[in-house]
């Protein structure tokens, strides 16, 4: 069994002009960044709540019942993860313009039995997604900006050209 500690904070940032920004459930990294940013602009950071949690993971199938001894709970966690994996496959297939729909029922079990590479979004992809979400929130019901429009915004912000990503 693998155990790792993770610390989370609820903080209040007060700017020099008295504006208050409450932030809940932020990681230790985010807390340290808030401290650094606050020092630069003469703001104060007050810790409202802090807690370190022990996060456990089984390192093998044999350890699952050691980590979660209640078999009903262990099965529930497994089925939740399996449902999530199947959902991701369904979404990926339906969004893939090159994937032709199959006649009859498509069994997802073979797809989720294959090892899958963990996806790590690069900062540029995360920025694109965040800008699209921000636009959608500020302009409900309007067409989202195109990738070229997003790239232009990122390029002007960064002072360099943003390269399009493959979907």
N, C-alpha and C. Protein backbone atom coordinates (compact mmCIF):
# COMPACT_ATOMS: atom_id res chain seq x y z
N UNK A 1 0.85 -1.17 0.00
CA UNK A 1 0.00 0.00 0.00
C UNK A 1 0.90 1.24 0.00
N UNK A 2 0.50 2.20 -0.77
CA UNK A 2 1.23 3.46 -0.86
C UNK A 2 0.45 4.54 -0.12
N UNK A 3 1.15 5.32 0.72
CA UNK A 3 0.51 6.42 1.44
C UNK A 3 1.31 7.68 1.16
N UNK A 4 0.57 8.74 0.94
CA UNK A 4 1.21 10.03 0.65
C UNK A 4 0.44 11.10 1.41
N UNK A 5 1.16 12.05 1.96
CA UNK A 5 0.50 13.15 2.66
C UNK A 5 0.27 14.31 1.71
N UNK A 6 -0.87 14.96 1.84
CA UNK A 6 -1.21 16.13 1.04
C UNK A 6 -1.87 17.16 1.96
N UNK A 7 -1.38 18.39 1.89
CA UNK A 7 -1.89 19.44 2.76
C UNK A 7 -2.74 20.42 1.95
N UNK A 8 -3.89 20.79 2.51
CA UNK A 8 -4.81 21.71 1.86
C UNK A 8 -5.13 22.87 2.79
N UNK A 9 -5.45 24.00 2.19
CA UNK A 9 -5.67 25.23 2.94
C UNK A 9 -6.96 25.90 2.51
N UNK A 10 -7.57 26.63 3.45
CA UNK A 10 -8.56 27.66 3.18
C UNK A 10 -7.87 28.95 3.63
N UNK A 11 -7.81 29.94 2.74
CA UNK A 11 -7.10 31.17 3.07
C UNK A 11 -7.94 32.38 2.72
N UNK A 12 -7.53 33.51 3.30
CA UNK A 12 -8.10 34.80 2.94
C UNK A 12 -6.95 35.70 2.54
N UNK A 13 -7.03 36.25 1.33
CA UNK A 13 -6.02 37.19 0.85
C UNK A 13 -6.64 38.58 0.93
N UNK A 14 -5.96 39.48 1.64
CA UNK A 14 -6.42 40.86 1.78
C UNK A 14 -5.41 41.77 1.09
N UNK A 15 -5.87 42.51 0.08
CA UNK A 15 -4.98 43.40 -0.66
C UNK A 15 -4.73 44.68 0.15
N UNK A 16 -3.74 45.44 -0.31
CA UNK A 16 -3.38 46.68 0.38
C UNK A 16 -4.55 47.66 0.43
N UNK A 17 -5.45 47.60 -0.58
CA UNK A 17 -6.60 48.52 -0.59
C UNK A 17 -7.84 47.93 0.10
N UNK A 18 -7.66 46.79 0.80
CA UNK A 18 -8.74 46.23 1.61
C UNK A 18 -9.64 45.21 0.94
N UNK A 19 -9.38 44.86 -0.32
CA UNK A 19 -10.21 43.85 -0.99
C UNK A 19 -9.88 42.47 -0.41
N UNK A 20 -10.93 41.68 -0.20
CA UNK A 20 -10.79 40.37 0.41
C UNK A 20 -11.14 39.28 -0.60
N UNK A 21 -10.26 38.29 -0.71
CA UNK A 21 -10.47 37.16 -1.62
C UNK A 21 -10.31 35.88 -0.81
N UNK A 22 -11.44 35.16 -0.61
CA UNK A 22 -11.39 33.89 0.13
C UNK A 22 -11.16 32.75 -0.88
N UNK A 23 -10.23 31.89 -0.54
CA UNK A 23 -9.92 30.73 -1.39
C UNK A 23 -9.99 29.48 -0.52
N UNK A 24 -10.79 28.52 -0.97
CA UNK A 24 -10.96 27.29 -0.21
C UNK A 24 -10.38 26.10 -0.95
N UNK A 25 -9.92 25.14 -0.18
CA UNK A 25 -9.43 23.86 -0.69
C UNK A 25 -8.35 24.05 -1.76
N UNK A 26 -7.30 24.76 -1.37
CA UNK A 26 -6.18 24.94 -2.29
C UNK A 26 -5.02 24.07 -1.82
N UNK A 27 -4.22 23.61 -2.76
CA UNK A 27 -3.10 22.74 -2.44
C UNK A 27 -1.97 23.52 -1.78
N UNK A 28 -1.01 22.81 -1.27
CA UNK A 28 0.15 23.46 -0.66
C UNK A 28 0.91 24.29 -1.69
N UNK A 29 1.00 23.78 -2.90
CA UNK A 29 1.67 24.54 -3.98
C UNK A 29 0.93 25.85 -4.25
N UNK A 30 -0.40 25.79 -4.33
CA UNK A 30 -1.19 27.00 -4.57
C UNK A 30 -1.07 27.98 -3.40
N UNK A 31 -0.98 27.45 -2.19
CA UNK A 31 -0.81 28.29 -1.01
C UNK A 31 0.54 29.03 -1.09
N UNK A 32 1.60 28.30 -1.42
CA UNK A 32 2.92 28.92 -1.54
C UNK A 32 2.94 29.98 -2.63
N UNK A 33 2.27 29.72 -3.75
CA UNK A 33 2.18 30.71 -4.83
C UNK A 33 1.41 31.95 -4.36
N UNK A 34 0.35 31.75 -3.59
CA UNK A 34 -0.43 32.88 -3.07
C UNK A 34 0.43 33.72 -2.13
N UNK A 35 1.23 33.05 -1.31
CA UNK A 35 2.14 33.76 -0.40
C UNK A 35 3.15 34.60 -1.19
N UNK A 36 3.73 34.02 -2.22
CA UNK A 36 4.72 34.72 -3.05
C UNK A 36 4.08 35.90 -3.76
N UNK A 37 2.91 35.67 -4.35
CA UNK A 37 2.21 36.75 -5.07
C UNK A 37 1.81 37.87 -4.12
N UNK A 38 1.35 37.52 -2.94
CA UNK A 38 0.92 38.52 -1.96
C UNK A 38 2.10 39.39 -1.51
N UNK A 39 3.25 38.78 -1.34
CA UNK A 39 4.43 39.54 -0.92
C UNK A 39 4.83 40.58 -1.96
N UNK A 40 4.62 40.24 -3.23
CA UNK A 40 4.99 41.16 -4.32
C UNK A 40 4.12 42.41 -4.34
N UNK A 41 2.86 42.28 -3.94
CA UNK A 41 1.92 43.41 -4.03
C UNK A 41 1.48 43.90 -2.64
N UNK A 42 2.22 43.52 -1.65
CA UNK A 42 1.96 43.95 -0.28
C UNK A 42 0.56 43.60 0.21
N UNK A 43 0.15 42.38 -0.09
CA UNK A 43 -1.11 41.85 0.42
C UNK A 43 -0.79 40.92 1.59
N UNK A 44 -1.82 40.56 2.34
CA UNK A 44 -1.62 39.61 3.43
C UNK A 44 -2.41 38.34 3.16
N UNK A 45 -1.85 37.24 3.60
CA UNK A 45 -2.52 35.94 3.48
C UNK A 45 -2.75 35.41 4.88
N UNK A 46 -4.02 35.14 5.18
CA UNK A 46 -4.39 34.59 6.48
C UNK A 46 -4.88 33.16 6.26
N UNK A 47 -4.33 32.22 7.02
CA UNK A 47 -4.77 30.83 6.94
C UNK A 47 -6.01 30.67 7.82
N UNK A 48 -7.13 30.31 7.20
CA UNK A 48 -8.38 30.10 7.92
C UNK A 48 -8.49 28.66 8.41
N UNK A 49 -7.95 27.73 7.62
CA UNK A 49 -7.99 26.31 7.97
C UNK A 49 -6.87 25.62 7.20
N UNK A 50 -6.21 24.68 7.85
CA UNK A 50 -5.18 23.89 7.18
C UNK A 50 -5.29 22.46 7.69
N UNK A 51 -5.15 21.50 6.78
CA UNK A 51 -5.21 20.10 7.17
C UNK A 51 -4.34 19.28 6.24
N UNK A 52 -3.56 18.38 6.84
CA UNK A 52 -2.79 17.41 6.05
C UNK A 52 -3.56 16.10 6.08
N UNK A 53 -3.74 15.51 4.90
CA UNK A 53 -4.48 14.26 4.76
C UNK A 53 -3.53 13.16 4.31
N UNK A 54 -3.76 11.95 4.80
CA UNK A 54 -3.04 10.78 4.32
C UNK A 54 -3.85 10.18 3.18
N UNK A 55 -3.25 10.12 2.01
CA UNK A 55 -3.92 9.58 0.82
C UNK A 55 -3.37 8.18 0.56
N UNK A 56 -4.25 7.18 0.50
CA UNK A 56 -3.82 5.80 0.35
C UNK A 56 -4.17 5.26 -1.03
N UNK A 57 -3.30 4.40 -1.53
CA UNK A 57 -3.55 3.72 -2.80
C UNK A 57 -3.04 2.29 -2.70
N UNK A 58 -3.79 1.37 -3.28
CA UNK A 58 -3.33 -0.01 -3.38
C UNK A 58 -2.31 -0.06 -4.52
N UNK A 59 -1.25 -0.83 -4.31
CA UNK A 59 -0.23 -0.98 -5.36
C UNK A 59 -0.42 -2.26 -6.15
N UNK A 60 -1.36 -3.10 -5.71
CA UNK A 60 -1.66 -4.33 -6.44
C UNK A 60 -3.12 -4.69 -6.19
N UNK A 61 -3.64 -5.57 -7.01
CA UNK A 61 -5.02 -6.03 -6.84
C UNK A 61 -5.16 -6.72 -5.48
N UNK A 62 -4.11 -7.43 -5.06
CA UNK A 62 -4.16 -8.14 -3.78
C UNK A 62 -4.32 -7.18 -2.60
N UNK A 63 -3.86 -5.95 -2.72
CA UNK A 63 -3.93 -4.98 -1.63
C UNK A 63 -5.27 -4.24 -1.56
N UNK A 64 -6.12 -4.40 -2.53
CA UNK A 64 -7.37 -3.63 -2.57
C UNK A 64 -8.19 -3.85 -1.30
N UNK A 65 -8.33 -5.09 -0.87
CA UNK A 65 -9.13 -5.35 0.33
C UNK A 65 -8.40 -4.98 1.61
N UNK A 66 -7.11 -4.73 1.52
CA UNK A 66 -6.38 -4.20 2.68
C UNK A 66 -6.68 -2.71 2.82
N UNK A 67 -6.71 -2.02 1.70
CA UNK A 67 -6.99 -0.58 1.70
C UNK A 67 -8.46 -0.32 2.01
N UNK A 68 -9.33 -1.15 1.43
CA UNK A 68 -10.78 -1.00 1.63
C UNK A 68 -11.35 -2.37 2.03
N UNK A 69 -11.32 -2.70 3.32
CA UNK A 69 -11.73 -4.04 3.76
C UNK A 69 -13.21 -4.37 3.53
N UNK A 70 -14.07 -3.38 3.49
CA UNK A 70 -15.49 -3.64 3.26
C UNK A 70 -15.67 -3.96 1.77
N UNK A 71 -16.04 -5.20 1.46
CA UNK A 71 -16.11 -5.64 0.06
C UNK A 71 -17.14 -4.85 -0.75
N UNK A 72 -18.25 -4.45 -0.14
CA UNK A 72 -19.25 -3.67 -0.86
C UNK A 72 -18.69 -2.30 -1.25
N UNK A 73 -17.95 -1.68 -0.34
CA UNK A 73 -17.34 -0.39 -0.62
C UNK A 73 -16.27 -0.54 -1.69
N UNK A 74 -15.42 -1.58 -1.57
CA UNK A 74 -14.36 -1.82 -2.55
C UNK A 74 -14.96 -2.03 -3.94
N UNK A 75 -16.02 -2.82 -4.01
CA UNK A 75 -16.69 -3.07 -5.29
C UNK A 75 -17.30 -1.79 -5.86
N UNK A 76 -17.87 -0.99 -4.99
CA UNK A 76 -18.46 0.28 -5.42
C UNK A 76 -17.39 1.20 -6.01
N UNK A 77 -16.23 1.30 -5.34
CA UNK A 77 -15.13 2.12 -5.86
C UNK A 77 -14.65 1.59 -7.21
N UNK A 78 -14.51 0.28 -7.32
CA UNK A 78 -14.07 -0.32 -8.57
C UNK A 78 -15.06 -0.01 -9.69
N UNK A 79 -16.35 -0.23 -9.41
CA UNK A 79 -17.37 0.00 -10.44
C UNK A 79 -17.44 1.47 -10.84
N UNK A 80 -17.22 2.38 -9.89
CA UNK A 80 -17.19 3.81 -10.23
C UNK A 80 -16.04 4.09 -11.21
N UNK A 81 -14.87 3.56 -10.91
CA UNK A 81 -13.73 3.75 -11.80
C UNK A 81 -13.97 3.13 -13.17
N UNK A 82 -14.58 1.94 -13.20
CA UNK A 82 -14.88 1.27 -14.46
C UNK A 82 -15.90 2.09 -15.27
N UNK A 83 -16.93 2.61 -14.59
CA UNK A 83 -17.92 3.46 -15.28
C UNK A 83 -17.27 4.70 -15.87
N UNK A 84 -16.37 5.30 -15.12
CA UNK A 84 -15.67 6.49 -15.60
C UNK A 84 -14.80 6.16 -16.81
N UNK A 85 -14.10 5.05 -16.77
CA UNK A 85 -13.27 4.63 -17.90
C UNK A 85 -14.14 4.40 -19.14
N UNK A 86 -15.28 3.74 -18.98
CA UNK A 86 -16.18 3.49 -20.11
C UNK A 86 -16.76 4.79 -20.65
N UNK A 87 -17.09 5.70 -19.75
CA UNK A 87 -17.59 7.00 -20.19
C UNK A 87 -16.55 7.72 -21.05
N UNK A 88 -15.29 7.69 -20.63
CA UNK A 88 -14.23 8.35 -21.39
C UNK A 88 -14.07 7.74 -22.78
N UNK A 89 -14.18 6.42 -22.88
CA UNK A 89 -14.09 5.75 -24.19
C UNK A 89 -15.27 6.18 -25.07
N UNK A 90 -16.49 6.17 -24.50
CA UNK A 90 -17.68 6.59 -25.27
C UNK A 90 -17.50 8.00 -25.81
N UNK A 91 -17.08 8.91 -24.93
CA UNK A 91 -16.90 10.30 -25.33
C UNK A 91 -15.86 10.41 -26.44
N UNK A 92 -14.72 9.74 -26.27
CA UNK A 92 -13.66 9.81 -27.28
C UNK A 92 -14.13 9.27 -28.62
N UNK A 93 -14.85 8.15 -28.60
CA UNK A 93 -15.35 7.57 -29.86
C UNK A 93 -16.36 8.48 -30.54
N UNK A 94 -17.29 9.03 -29.78
CA UNK A 94 -18.33 9.87 -30.37
C UNK A 94 -17.76 11.20 -30.89
N UNK A 95 -16.66 11.67 -30.32
CA UNK A 95 -16.06 12.92 -30.78
C UNK A 95 -15.06 12.70 -31.92
N UNK A 96 -14.68 11.45 -32.16
CA UNK A 96 -13.71 11.13 -33.22
C UNK A 96 -14.41 11.09 -34.57
N UNK A 97 -14.12 12.07 -35.40
CA UNK A 97 -14.79 12.15 -36.71
C UNK A 97 -14.40 11.00 -37.64
N UNK A 98 -13.29 10.32 -37.36
CA UNK A 98 -12.85 9.19 -38.19
C UNK A 98 -13.42 7.85 -37.74
N UNK A 99 -14.09 7.84 -36.58
CA UNK A 99 -14.65 6.59 -36.07
C UNK A 99 -16.06 6.41 -36.59
N UNK A 100 -16.31 5.34 -37.37
CA UNK A 100 -17.67 5.11 -37.86
C UNK A 100 -18.49 4.37 -36.79
N UNK A 101 -19.73 4.79 -36.60
CA UNK A 101 -20.62 4.11 -35.66
C UNK A 101 -20.78 2.66 -36.09
N UNK A 102 -20.87 1.76 -35.14
CA UNK A 102 -20.98 0.33 -35.40
C UNK A 102 -22.45 -0.09 -35.45
N UNK A 103 -22.74 -1.09 -36.22
CA UNK A 103 -24.08 -1.66 -36.27
C UNK A 103 -24.33 -2.40 -34.97
N UNK A 104 -25.45 -2.17 -34.32
CA UNK A 104 -25.77 -2.88 -33.08
C UNK A 104 -25.12 -2.24 -31.87
N UNK A 105 -24.91 -3.03 -30.84
CA UNK A 105 -24.39 -2.55 -29.57
C UNK A 105 -22.86 -2.64 -29.57
N UNK A 106 -22.21 -1.58 -29.19
CA UNK A 106 -20.74 -1.55 -29.10
C UNK A 106 -20.35 -1.87 -27.66
N UNK A 107 -19.61 -2.97 -27.47
CA UNK A 107 -19.19 -3.41 -26.14
C UNK A 107 -17.90 -2.68 -25.76
N UNK A 108 -17.95 -1.92 -24.70
CA UNK A 108 -16.81 -1.10 -24.26
C UNK A 108 -15.78 -1.88 -23.44
N UNK A 109 -16.10 -3.10 -23.05
CA UNK A 109 -15.23 -3.85 -22.15
C UNK A 109 -13.82 -4.05 -22.71
N UNK A 110 -13.71 -4.38 -23.98
CA UNK A 110 -12.38 -4.59 -24.57
C UNK A 110 -11.56 -3.29 -24.54
N UNK A 111 -12.20 -2.16 -24.73
CA UNK A 111 -11.50 -0.87 -24.74
C UNK A 111 -10.94 -0.53 -23.37
N UNK A 112 -11.70 -0.81 -22.31
CA UNK A 112 -11.24 -0.42 -20.98
C UNK A 112 -10.27 -1.44 -20.38
N UNK A 113 -10.09 -2.58 -21.03
CA UNK A 113 -9.15 -3.58 -20.53
C UNK A 113 -7.72 -3.28 -20.96
N UNK A 114 -7.56 -2.36 -21.89
CA UNK A 114 -6.22 -2.01 -22.37
C UNK A 114 -5.59 -0.94 -21.49
N UNK A 115 -4.29 -1.07 -21.22
CA UNK A 115 -3.63 0.00 -20.45
C UNK A 115 -3.72 1.31 -21.22
N UNK A 116 -3.95 2.38 -20.50
CA UNK A 116 -4.08 3.68 -21.15
C UNK A 116 -3.03 4.62 -20.59
N UNK A 117 -2.44 5.36 -21.49
CA UNK A 117 -1.44 6.33 -21.08
C UNK A 117 -2.13 7.47 -20.35
N UNK A 118 -1.54 7.88 -19.24
CA UNK A 118 -2.12 9.00 -18.51
C UNK A 118 -1.94 10.26 -19.33
N UNK A 119 -3.02 11.04 -19.39
CA UNK A 119 -2.96 12.28 -20.15
C UNK A 119 -2.45 13.39 -19.24
N UNK A 120 -1.47 14.10 -19.73
CA UNK A 120 -0.97 15.26 -19.02
C UNK A 120 -1.09 16.44 -19.99
N UNK A 121 -1.95 17.37 -19.64
CA UNK A 121 -2.17 18.51 -20.52
C UNK A 121 -1.00 19.48 -20.43
N UNK A 122 -0.54 19.92 -21.58
CA UNK A 122 0.50 20.93 -21.56
C UNK A 122 -0.16 22.27 -21.22
N UNK A 123 0.62 23.22 -20.72
CA UNK A 123 0.04 24.49 -20.29
C UNK A 123 -0.72 25.22 -21.40
N UNK A 124 -0.27 25.10 -22.64
CA UNK A 124 -0.94 25.77 -23.74
C UNK A 124 -2.34 25.19 -23.97
N UNK A 125 -2.46 23.86 -23.89
CA UNK A 125 -3.78 23.23 -24.04
C UNK A 125 -4.71 23.64 -22.90
N UNK A 126 -4.16 23.68 -21.69
CA UNK A 126 -4.96 24.10 -20.54
C UNK A 126 -5.42 25.54 -20.71
N UNK A 127 -4.55 26.39 -21.23
CA UNK A 127 -4.91 27.80 -21.45
C UNK A 127 -6.02 27.92 -22.48
N UNK A 128 -5.92 27.14 -23.54
CA UNK A 128 -6.97 27.18 -24.57
C UNK A 128 -8.32 26.80 -23.98
N UNK A 129 -8.33 25.69 -23.21
CA UNK A 129 -9.58 25.22 -22.59
C UNK A 129 -10.13 26.27 -21.64
N UNK A 130 -9.25 26.87 -20.84
CA UNK A 130 -9.69 27.88 -19.87
C UNK A 130 -10.27 29.10 -20.57
N UNK A 131 -9.64 29.55 -21.66
CA UNK A 131 -10.15 30.71 -22.39
C UNK A 131 -11.51 30.42 -23.01
N UNK A 132 -11.68 29.22 -23.55
CA UNK A 132 -12.98 28.85 -24.12
C UNK A 132 -14.06 28.81 -23.04
N UNK A 133 -13.72 28.26 -21.88
CA UNK A 133 -14.68 28.19 -20.78
C UNK A 133 -15.03 29.58 -20.27
N UNK A 134 -14.02 30.45 -20.17
CA UNK A 134 -14.26 31.82 -19.73
C UNK A 134 -15.16 32.56 -20.72
N UNK A 135 -14.90 32.39 -22.01
CA UNK A 135 -15.72 33.04 -23.03
C UNK A 135 -17.18 32.55 -22.92
N UNK A 136 -17.34 31.23 -22.78
CA UNK A 136 -18.69 30.66 -22.69
C UNK A 136 -19.44 31.20 -21.47
N UNK A 137 -18.72 31.39 -20.37
CA UNK A 137 -19.34 31.91 -19.15
C UNK A 137 -19.73 33.37 -19.32
N UNK A 138 -18.90 34.14 -20.01
CA UNK A 138 -19.17 35.57 -20.16
C UNK A 138 -20.11 35.88 -21.33
N UNK A 139 -20.24 34.93 -22.26
CA UNK A 139 -21.10 35.13 -23.44
C UNK A 139 -21.99 33.90 -23.63
N UNK A 140 -22.92 33.64 -22.70
CA UNK A 140 -23.75 32.43 -22.80
C UNK A 140 -24.57 32.43 -24.09
N UNK A 141 -24.60 31.24 -24.69
CA UNK A 141 -25.39 31.07 -25.90
C UNK A 141 -24.70 31.47 -27.19
N UNK A 142 -23.56 32.13 -27.10
CA UNK A 142 -22.84 32.52 -28.31
C UNK A 142 -21.88 31.42 -28.74
N UNK A 143 -21.53 31.43 -30.02
CA UNK A 143 -20.58 30.46 -30.53
C UNK A 143 -19.23 30.66 -29.86
N UNK A 144 -18.56 29.58 -29.46
CA UNK A 144 -17.24 29.74 -28.84
C UNK A 144 -16.22 30.21 -29.88
N UNK A 145 -15.14 30.82 -29.42
CA UNK A 145 -14.12 31.26 -30.36
C UNK A 145 -13.46 30.06 -31.04
N UNK A 146 -12.97 30.29 -32.24
CA UNK A 146 -12.28 29.22 -32.97
C UNK A 146 -10.89 29.02 -32.38
N UNK A 147 -10.26 27.91 -32.73
CA UNK A 147 -8.89 27.67 -32.27
C UNK A 147 -7.94 28.76 -32.76
N UNK A 148 -8.16 29.24 -33.99
CA UNK A 148 -7.30 30.31 -34.52
C UNK A 148 -7.46 31.59 -33.70
N UNK A 149 -8.69 31.90 -33.30
CA UNK A 149 -8.92 33.10 -32.47
C UNK A 149 -8.26 32.95 -31.10
N UNK A 150 -8.38 31.77 -30.52
CA UNK A 150 -7.74 31.51 -29.23
C UNK A 150 -6.22 31.61 -29.38
N UNK A 151 -5.68 31.02 -30.44
CA UNK A 151 -4.23 31.08 -30.68
C UNK A 151 -3.75 32.51 -30.83
N UNK A 152 -4.55 33.35 -31.47
CA UNK A 152 -4.18 34.75 -31.65
C UNK A 152 -4.11 35.47 -30.30
N UNK A 153 -5.08 35.18 -29.42
CA UNK A 153 -5.08 35.78 -28.08
C UNK A 153 -3.85 35.32 -27.31
N UNK A 154 -3.58 34.03 -27.35
CA UNK A 154 -2.42 33.50 -26.63
C UNK A 154 -1.11 34.04 -27.19
N UNK A 155 -1.05 34.17 -28.51
CA UNK A 155 0.17 34.70 -29.14
C UNK A 155 0.40 36.15 -28.74
N UNK A 156 -0.66 36.94 -28.72
CA UNK A 156 -0.48 38.35 -28.35
C UNK A 156 -0.11 38.46 -26.86
N UNK A 157 -0.64 37.57 -26.06
CA UNK A 157 -0.32 37.58 -24.63
C UNK A 157 1.13 37.18 -24.39
N UNK A 158 1.55 36.13 -25.09
CA UNK A 158 2.89 35.59 -24.86
C UNK A 158 3.95 36.30 -25.68
N UNK A 159 3.53 37.05 -26.68
CA UNK A 159 4.50 37.72 -27.54
C UNK A 159 5.13 36.78 -28.54
N UNK A 160 4.54 35.61 -28.72
CA UNK A 160 5.05 34.64 -29.69
C UNK A 160 3.86 33.90 -30.26
N UNK A 161 4.12 33.12 -31.31
CA UNK A 161 2.99 32.43 -31.91
C UNK A 161 2.70 31.14 -31.13
N UNK A 162 1.42 30.90 -30.93
CA UNK A 162 0.97 29.67 -30.27
C UNK A 162 0.72 28.65 -31.36
N UNK A 163 1.26 27.47 -31.18
CA UNK A 163 1.13 26.42 -32.17
C UNK A 163 -0.17 25.66 -31.95
N UNK A 164 -0.94 25.38 -33.03
CA UNK A 164 -2.16 24.62 -32.85
C UNK A 164 -1.85 23.21 -32.38
N UNK A 165 -2.74 22.63 -31.60
CA UNK A 165 -2.55 21.27 -31.13
C UNK A 165 -3.44 20.34 -31.92
N UNK A 166 -2.99 19.09 -32.02
CA UNK A 166 -3.82 18.09 -32.68
C UNK A 166 -4.88 17.63 -31.71
N UNK A 167 -6.09 17.48 -32.19
CA UNK A 167 -7.21 17.08 -31.31
C UNK A 167 -7.19 15.61 -31.05
